[in-house]
């Protein structure tokens, strides 16, 4: 099966998924989007209101900020892959529950395996915790982890993981926007160094 066929099959499964109760409240599942040949994958936590409405990741205010910050380092949404650990919106935008993460992340694992990104930037504490623990690292708070570069083996894929704050946090605290900007600049430097 080609990479495109594999990714399309995952997307179809996500859109029809009923593995947990989140499907009952969703308008649209949000599998993710972007380049199938992306060197960089961004992994957020879960769809929000506008993502649920449109069926696309990071299309609300946090997504607009992410797009702006990407453009500052010379990247566009079309060049990267963007997804979440949960593919359906939790009620009221609450945090993902451990059972939901356990049920939904096999989709993410398969997306990573199919796309084979060289860099994975995790957005927020839940995605950071999941991806780092999957790679065998101890996890802690996002404040202490952000901006570090972790060389990892994810199911046979060599990748560099760079955690940062979720863009939604930066909408409420300008300091986080500055931290995300610095972390994205670190990503850009790592990308240039490892070409």
Protein backbone atom coordinates (compact mmCIF):
# COMPACT_ATOMS: atom_id res chain seq x y z
CA UNK A 1 0.00 0.00 0.00
CA UNK A 2 1.37 3.44 -0.90
CA UNK A 3 1.93 6.16 1.70
CA UNK A 4 -1.02 8.09 0.29
CA UNK A 5 -3.29 5.04 0.48
CA UNK A 6 -2.15 4.31 4.04
CA UNK A 7 -2.81 7.88 5.22
CA UNK A 8 -6.19 7.98 3.44
CA UNK A 9 -7.16 4.67 5.08
CA UNK A 10 -6.28 6.08 8.53
CA UNK A 11 -8.33 9.21 7.79
CA UNK A 12 -11.34 7.09 6.79
CA UNK A 13 -11.04 5.02 9.96
CA UNK A 14 -10.83 8.18 12.08
CA UNK A 15 -13.92 9.67 10.45
CA UNK A 16 -15.89 6.46 11.14
CA UNK A 17 -14.39 5.77 14.58
CA UNK A 18 -16.58 4.87 17.53
CA UNK A 19 -13.93 3.41 19.82
CA UNK A 20 -14.72 5.85 22.63
CA UNK A 21 -17.71 8.01 23.53
CA UNK A 22 -16.32 11.21 21.98
CA UNK A 23 -17.86 10.33 18.60
CA UNK A 24 -21.32 10.95 20.08
CA UNK A 25 -20.68 14.67 20.55
CA UNK A 26 -18.58 15.43 17.51
CA UNK A 27 -19.64 17.16 14.32
CA UNK A 28 -16.50 16.08 12.51
CA UNK A 29 -13.56 13.90 13.39
CA UNK A 30 -10.26 15.66 12.69
CA UNK A 31 -7.64 13.23 11.38
CA UNK A 32 -5.06 15.88 10.53
CA UNK A 33 -3.70 17.43 7.37
CA UNK A 34 -0.63 18.54 5.53
CA UNK A 35 2.13 17.20 3.36
CA UNK A 36 2.51 13.43 3.19
CA UNK A 37 6.24 14.06 2.73
CA UNK A 38 6.51 16.43 5.69
CA UNK A 39 9.82 16.62 7.48
CA UNK A 40 8.00 18.20 10.43
CA UNK A 41 4.88 16.95 12.19
CA UNK A 42 3.08 19.08 14.76
CA UNK A 43 1.07 17.14 17.33
CA UNK A 44 -1.50 19.01 19.38
CA UNK A 45 -3.92 17.73 21.99
CA UNK A 46 -7.47 17.65 20.62
CA UNK A 47 -9.75 19.52 18.24
CA UNK A 48 -11.47 22.63 19.58
CA UNK A 49 -14.76 24.20 18.56
CA UNK A 50 -13.77 25.42 15.08
CA UNK A 51 -11.80 22.28 14.34
CA UNK A 52 -14.89 20.22 15.16
CA UNK A 53 -17.01 22.44 12.89
CA UNK A 54 -14.60 22.35 9.94
CA UNK A 55 -13.01 18.92 10.36
CA UNK A 56 -9.53 20.43 10.13
CA UNK A 57 -6.81 20.88 12.79
CA UNK A 58 -5.77 24.27 14.16
CA UNK A 59 -8.23 26.51 12.28
CA UNK A 60 -9.38 28.65 15.21
CA UNK A 61 -7.50 31.47 16.96
CA UNK A 62 -4.69 29.14 18.12
CA UNK A 63 -4.30 27.90 14.56
CA UNK A 64 -4.03 31.43 13.21
CA UNK A 65 -1.27 32.12 15.72
CA UNK A 66 0.49 28.88 14.75
CA UNK A 67 0.31 29.86 11.07
CA UNK A 68 1.79 33.28 11.88
CA UNK A 69 4.63 31.77 13.92
CA UNK A 70 5.36 29.22 11.18
CA UNK A 71 5.60 32.00 8.60
CA UNK A 72 8.13 33.79 10.82
CA UNK A 73 10.51 30.84 10.36
CA UNK A 74 9.77 30.51 6.66
CA UNK A 75 7.34 27.59 6.81
CA UNK A 76 3.76 27.22 5.69
CA UNK A 77 1.04 24.85 6.79
CA UNK A 78 1.23 23.09 3.40
CA UNK A 79 4.85 22.02 4.08
CA UNK A 80 4.21 20.35 7.43
CA UNK A 81 1.79 17.80 8.86
CA UNK A 82 -0.53 18.85 11.68
CA UNK A 83 -2.55 16.47 13.84
CA UNK A 84 -3.60 15.79 17.45
CA UNK A 85 -3.44 12.93 19.91
CA UNK A 86 -7.27 12.94 20.03
CA UNK A 87 -9.17 13.12 16.78
CA UNK A 88 -12.54 14.22 18.26
CA UNK A 89 -13.35 17.26 20.38
CA UNK A 90 -13.79 16.60 24.10
CA UNK A 91 -16.93 18.24 25.56
CA UNK A 92 -16.33 21.86 26.50
CA UNK A 93 -12.70 21.61 25.32
CA UNK A 94 -11.79 19.75 28.50
CA UNK A 95 -8.44 17.97 28.76
CA UNK A 96 -8.14 14.54 27.12
CA UNK A 97 -8.85 11.69 29.51
CA UNK A 98 -6.26 8.88 29.88
CA UNK A 99 -8.70 6.31 28.42
CA UNK A 100 -9.37 8.55 25.40
CA UNK A 101 -5.64 8.99 24.82
CA UNK A 102 -5.09 5.25 25.05
CA UNK A 103 -7.94 4.57 22.62
CA UNK A 104 -7.09 7.24 20.05
CA UNK A 105 -3.29 7.36 19.87
CA UNK A 106 -2.89 4.20 17.76
CA UNK A 107 -4.08 6.43 14.91
CA UNK A 108 -1.29 8.92 15.67
CA UNK A 109 1.27 6.10 15.90
CA UNK A 110 0.21 4.89 12.45
CA UNK A 111 0.34 8.44 11.04
CA UNK A 112 3.89 8.88 12.33
CA UNK A 113 4.90 5.51 10.89
CA UNK A 114 3.39 6.34 7.48
CA UNK A 115 4.64 9.93 7.13
CA UNK A 116 8.03 9.37 8.77
CA UNK A 117 8.72 12.95 9.91
CA UNK A 118 12.27 13.78 10.91
CA UNK A 119 11.00 16.28 13.51
CA UNK A 120 7.97 16.08 15.78
CA UNK A 121 7.01 19.25 17.61
CA UNK A 122 4.55 18.54 20.39
CA UNK A 123 2.13 21.32 21.27
CA UNK A 124 1.10 21.22 24.92
CA UNK A 125 1.55 18.94 27.89
CA UNK A 126 -0.68 16.04 26.83
CA UNK A 127 0.90 15.54 23.42
CA UNK A 128 4.37 16.06 24.90
CA UNK A 129 3.75 13.50 27.61
CA UNK A 130 2.41 10.94 25.16
CA UNK A 131 5.09 11.29 22.47
CA UNK A 132 8.03 11.45 24.89
CA UNK A 133 6.79 8.49 26.93
CA UNK A 134 6.27 6.53 23.69
CA UNK A 135 9.94 7.21 22.91
CA UNK A 136 11.00 6.00 26.37
CA UNK A 137 11.68 9.37 28.01
CA UNK A 138 10.61 10.45 31.47
CA UNK A 139 8.16 13.28 31.25
CA UNK A 140 7.54 16.28 33.43
CA UNK A 141 5.89 19.64 33.13
CA UNK A 142 5.86 21.41 29.78
CA UNK A 143 7.54 24.44 31.36
CA UNK A 144 10.69 22.42 32.04
CA UNK A 145 10.57 20.38 28.81
CA UNK A 146 9.83 22.99 26.16
CA UNK A 147 12.57 23.87 23.71
CA UNK A 148 14.68 20.79 24.42
CA UNK A 149 15.58 18.48 21.56
CA UNK A 150 15.12 14.76 22.17
CA UNK A 151 16.60 12.29 19.73
CA UNK A 152 14.27 9.33 19.76
CA UNK A 153 13.35 5.99 18.27
CA UNK A 154 9.60 5.78 17.69
CA UNK A 155 8.79 2.27 16.51
CA UNK A 156 11.94 2.11 14.40
CA UNK A 157 11.72 5.72 13.18
CA UNK A 158 14.60 8.00 14.17
CA UNK A 159 13.14 11.41 14.93
CA UNK A 160 13.85 14.54 16.91
CA UNK A 161 11.13 15.61 19.33
CA UNK A 162 10.86 19.25 20.38
CA UNK A 163 8.13 20.07 22.91
CA UNK A 164 6.56 23.50 23.16
CA UNK A 165 3.51 25.16 24.64
CA UNK A 166 0.14 24.85 22.97
CA UNK A 167 -0.63 27.98 20.92
CA UNK A 168 -3.93 28.34 22.81
CA UNK A 169 -1.91 29.05 25.99
CA UNK A 170 -0.23 31.95 24.19
CA UNK A 171 -3.60 33.55 23.50
CA UNK A 172 -3.92 34.11 27.25
CA UNK A 173 -0.29 34.74 28.18
CA UNK A 174 2.09 36.61 25.86
CA UNK A 175 5.10 34.99 27.54
CA UNK A 176 4.10 31.63 26.07
CA UNK A 177 3.99 33.15 22.60
CA UNK A 178 7.59 34.29 23.04
CA UNK A 179 8.55 30.79 24.25
CA UNK A 180 6.83 29.12 21.29
CA UNK A 181 8.58 31.55 18.93
CA UNK A 182 11.99 30.65 20.45
CA UNK A 183 11.18 26.93 20.30
CA UNK A 184 10.22 27.24 16.62
CA UNK A 185 13.48 29.07 15.95
CA UNK A 186 15.29 26.13 17.62
CA UNK A 187 13.35 23.79 15.33
CA UNK A 188 14.47 25.83 12.30
CA UNK A 189 18.11 25.65 13.42
CA UNK A 190 17.86 21.89 13.98
CA UNK A 191 16.26 21.47 10.57
CA UNK A 192 19.11 23.34 8.88
CA UNK A 193 21.74 21.48 10.90
CA UNK A 194 20.36 18.04 10.03
CA UNK A 195 19.65 18.44 6.29
